Protein backbone atom coordinates (compact mmCIF):
# COMPACT_ATOMS: atom_id res chain seq x y z
CA ILE A 1 59.74 -6.16 55.90
CA THR A 2 61.54 -9.21 54.40
CA ILE A 3 64.92 -9.26 52.90
CA HIS A 4 66.29 -12.30 51.11
CA ASN A 5 69.88 -13.25 50.23
CA GLN A 6 70.89 -16.43 48.46
CA GLY A 7 73.59 -17.17 50.90
CA GLU A 8 73.38 -19.25 54.10
CA VAL A 9 74.43 -18.04 57.58
CA PRO A 10 77.08 -20.29 58.66
CA GLN A 11 76.24 -22.57 61.57
CA GLU A 12 78.85 -21.36 63.94
CA ILE A 13 77.48 -17.70 63.92
CA ARG A 14 73.81 -18.27 63.96
CA PRO A 15 73.46 -18.02 67.68
CA HIS A 16 75.42 -14.57 67.60
CA PHE A 17 74.02 -13.29 64.30
CA PHE A 18 72.67 -9.96 65.75
CA LYS A 19 75.61 -9.29 68.04
CA GLU A 20 78.26 -6.68 67.31
CA PHE A 21 81.38 -7.63 65.59
CA VAL A 22 79.99 -10.97 64.43
CA THR A 23 81.30 -11.83 60.85
CA HIS A 24 82.53 -14.87 58.94
CA GLY A 25 84.64 -15.41 55.86
CA LYS A 26 84.62 -11.91 54.69
CA GLY A 27 87.86 -9.96 53.68
CA LYS A 28 86.01 -6.73 54.61
CA GLY A 29 83.28 -5.76 57.02
CA LEU A 30 83.16 -5.18 60.78
CA GLY A 31 80.32 -7.27 61.68
CA LEU A 32 78.04 -4.42 62.60
CA GLY A 33 75.26 -4.71 59.86
CA THR A 34 72.78 -6.90 61.60
CA TYR A 35 73.64 -5.64 64.90
CA SER A 36 72.83 -2.12 63.64
CA ALA A 37 69.67 -3.38 62.24
CA ARG A 38 68.56 -5.02 65.48
CA LEU A 39 69.38 -1.80 67.53
CA ILE A 40 67.21 0.26 65.13
CA THR A 41 64.36 -2.28 65.07
CA ASN A 42 64.34 -2.40 68.90
CA VAL A 43 64.38 1.50 69.17
CA LEU A 44 61.43 1.64 66.94
CA GLY A 45 59.52 -1.01 69.12
CA GLY A 46 59.76 -3.77 66.42
CA GLY A 47 61.63 -7.07 66.27
CA ILE A 48 64.01 -8.83 63.91
CA ASP A 49 64.61 -12.51 63.24
CA PHE A 50 65.98 -14.63 60.40
CA LYS A 51 65.79 -18.17 58.95
CA THR A 52 68.65 -19.64 56.91
CA SER A 53 69.27 -22.77 55.05
CA SER A 54 71.68 -23.92 52.27
CA ARG A 55 68.76 -24.72 49.92
CA GLU A 56 66.70 -21.60 50.58
CA GLY A 57 69.35 -18.96 51.40
CA THR A 58 68.65 -16.41 54.25
CA THR A 59 65.51 -14.40 54.93
CA LEU A 60 65.43 -11.47 57.56
CA PHE A 61 62.03 -10.69 58.99
CA ILE A 62 61.55 -7.26 60.35
CA ASN A 63 58.37 -6.28 62.28
CA LEU A 64 57.76 -2.57 63.03
CA PRO A 65 54.73 -1.31 64.89
CA VAL A 66 52.08 0.64 62.79
CA THR A 67 51.64 4.11 64.13
């Protein structure tokens, strides 16, 4: 599964992107979205990663096992 967003993940949070309570520049939000996605993906035996750039935006890559 891939999910694409036009925005770029800021450099300072990239190393912590999937950790709880990580957020940047938002008035709302708790920083639990990507953390929750990682937990769910791990419980299902899969993995999650991302790539980001100012030119191409951000793409999340979610890999789940076939059952």
